Amino acid sequence: MSELAKALGRNIREKRKKNGFSQDAFALAAGIDRSYIGRVERGEVNITVEKLYEIASVLQCEPASLLPAHTTL
């Protein structure tokens, strides 16, 4: 997958862990399949803007804060 998807996945994983969510608990709170969250965090899928907003809502952050800086690509 692209470096962008991988960097986004790393950011989501880091924020999820900082918020004290296991992958299972996070998936349940977000209403998203756990295996899909795993694929997102590994950068194996490109998520939609709608999913980004859903994830950010559960993580209680702005969606833009999950996006990687241009320099990390």
C-alpha atoms as a PDB file:
ATOM      1  CA  MET A   1       0.000   0.000   0.000  1.00  0.00           C
ATOM      2  CA  SER A   2       1.063   3.609  -0.238  1.00  0.00           C
ATOM      3  CA  GLU A   3       3.283   5.335   2.279  1.00  0.00           C
ATOM      4  CA  LEU A   4       0.377   7.707   2.977  1.00  0.00           C
ATOM      5  CA  ALA A   5      -1.885   4.828   4.052  1.00  0.00           C
ATOM      6  CA  LYS A   6       0.888   3.384   6.227  1.00  0.00           C
ATOM      7  CA  ALA A   7       1.608   6.737   7.890  1.00  0.00           C
ATOM      8  CA  LEU A   8      -2.099   7.346   8.510  1.00  0.00           C
ATOM      9  CA  GLY A   9      -2.415   3.881  10.018  1.00  0.00           C
ATOM     10  CA  ARG A  10       0.531   4.500  12.332  1.00  0.00           C
ATOM     11  CA  ASN A  11      -1.019   7.768  13.496  1.00  0.00           C
ATOM     12  CA  ILE A  12      -4.364   6.107  14.182  1.00  0.00           C
ATOM     13  CA  ARG A  13      -2.703   3.261  16.106  1.00  0.00           C
ATOM     14  CA  GLU A  14      -0.644   5.696  18.186  1.00  0.00           C
ATOM     15  CA  LYS A  15      -3.694   7.812  19.063  1.00  0.00           C
ATOM     16  CA  ARG A  16      -5.786   4.703  19.837  1.00  0.00           C
ATOM     17  CA  LYS A  17      -3.135   3.443  22.247  1.00  0.00           C
ATOM     18  CA  LYS A  18      -2.726   6.863  23.873  1.00  0.00           C
ATOM     19  CA  ASN A  19      -6.479   6.838  24.506  1.00  0.00           C
ATOM     20  CA  GLY A  20      -6.193   3.419  26.149  1.00  0.00           C
ATOM     21  CA  PHE A  21      -8.215   1.479  23.591  1.00  0.00           C
ATOM     22  CA  SER A  22      -7.429  -2.087  22.660  1.00  0.00           C
ATOM     23  CA  GLN A  23      -8.042  -2.772  18.996  1.00  0.00           C
ATOM     24  CA  ASP A  24     -11.164  -4.778  19.886  1.00  0.00           C
ATOM     25  CA  ALA A  25     -12.600  -2.090  22.174  1.00  0.00           C
ATOM     26  CA  PHE A  26     -11.853   0.611  19.632  1.00  0.00           C
ATOM     27  CA  ALA A  27     -13.500  -1.302  16.803  1.00  0.00           C
ATOM     28  CA  LEU A  28     -16.590  -1.865  18.950  1.00  0.00           C
ATOM     29  CA  ALA A  29     -16.796   1.824  19.931  1.00  0.00           C
ATOM     30  CA  ALA A  30     -16.372   2.910  16.311  1.00  0.00           C
ATOM     31  CA  GLY A  31     -18.810   0.350  14.932  1.00  0.00           C
ATOM     32  CA  ILE A  32     -16.122  -0.913  12.576  1.00  0.00           C
ATOM     33  CA  ASP A  33     -14.998  -4.521  12.145  1.00  0.00           C
ATOM     34  CA  ARG A  34     -11.836  -5.268  14.147  1.00  0.00           C
ATOM     35  CA  SER A  35     -10.096  -6.888  11.193  1.00  0.00           C
ATOM     36  CA  TYR A  36     -10.742  -3.738   9.135  1.00  0.00           C
ATOM     37  CA  ILE A  37      -9.207  -1.559  11.876  1.00  0.00           C
ATOM     38  CA  GLY A  38      -6.172  -3.852  11.808  1.00  0.00           C
ATOM     39  CA  ARG A  39      -5.841  -3.433   8.052  1.00  0.00           C
ATOM     40  CA  VAL A  40      -6.190   0.354   8.406  1.00  0.00           C
ATOM     41  CA  GLU A  41      -3.487   0.482  11.075  1.00  0.00           C
ATOM     42  CA  ARG A  42      -1.144  -1.604   8.915  1.00  0.00           C
ATOM     43  CA  GLY A  43      -1.774   0.686   5.942  1.00  0.00           C
ATOM     44  CA  GLU A  44      -3.305  -2.093   3.863  1.00  0.00           C
ATOM     45  CA  VAL A  45      -6.441  -0.168   2.893  1.00  0.00           C
ATOM     46  CA  ASN A  46      -7.299   3.381   1.912  1.00  0.00           C
ATOM     47  CA  ILE A  47     -10.058   4.675   4.146  1.00  0.00           C
ATOM     48  CA  THR A  48     -12.818   7.029   3.121  1.00  0.00           C
ATOM     49  CA  VAL A  49     -13.152  10.517   4.526  1.00  0.00           C
ATOM     50  CA  GLU A  50     -16.310   9.338   6.269  1.00  0.00           C
ATOM     51  CA  LYS A  51     -14.367   6.561   8.072  1.00  0.00           C
ATOM     52  CA  LEU A  52     -11.649   9.044   9.013  1.00  0.00           C
ATOM     53  CA  TYR A  53     -14.272  11.245  10.678  1.00  0.00           C
ATOM     54  CA  GLU A  54     -15.819   8.253  12.474  1.00  0.00           C
ATOM     55  CA  ILE A  55     -12.414   7.172  13.769  1.00  0.00           C
ATOM     56  CA  ALA A  56     -11.527  10.717  14.852  1.00  0.00           C
ATOM     57  CA  SER A  57     -14.843  11.040  16.662  1.00  0.00           C
ATOM     58  CA  VAL A  58     -14.138   7.974  18.796  1.00  0.00           C
ATOM     59  CA  LEU A  59     -10.579   9.173  19.399  1.00  0.00           C
ATOM     60  CA  GLN A  60     -11.948  12.623  20.318  1.00  0.00           C
ATOM     61  CA  CYS A  61      -9.658  14.492  17.966  1.00  0.00           C
ATOM     62  CA  GLU A  62      -9.834  16.437  14.750  1.00  0.00           C
ATOM     63  CA  PRO A  63      -9.605  14.253  11.639  1.00  0.00           C
ATOM     64  CA  ALA A  64      -6.789  16.421  10.298  1.00  0.00           C
ATOM     65  CA  SER A  65      -4.664  15.600  13.349  1.00  0.00           C
ATOM     66  CA  LEU A  66      -4.543  11.971  12.188  1.00  0.00           C
ATOM     67  CA  LEU A  67      -3.215  12.872   8.750  1.00  0.00           C
ATOM     68  CA  PRO A  68       0.547  12.575   8.333  1.00  0.00           C
ATOM     69  CA  ALA A  69       2.647  15.619   7.597  1.00  0.00           C
ATOM     70  CA  HIS A  70       3.663  15.915   3.961  1.00  0.00           C
ATOM     71  CA  THR A  71       7.311  15.460   4.908  1.00  0.00           C
ATOM     72  CA  THR A  72       6.670  11.905   6.198  1.00  0.00           C
ATOM     73  CA  LEU A  73       5.530  10.624   2.811  1.00  0.00           C
END
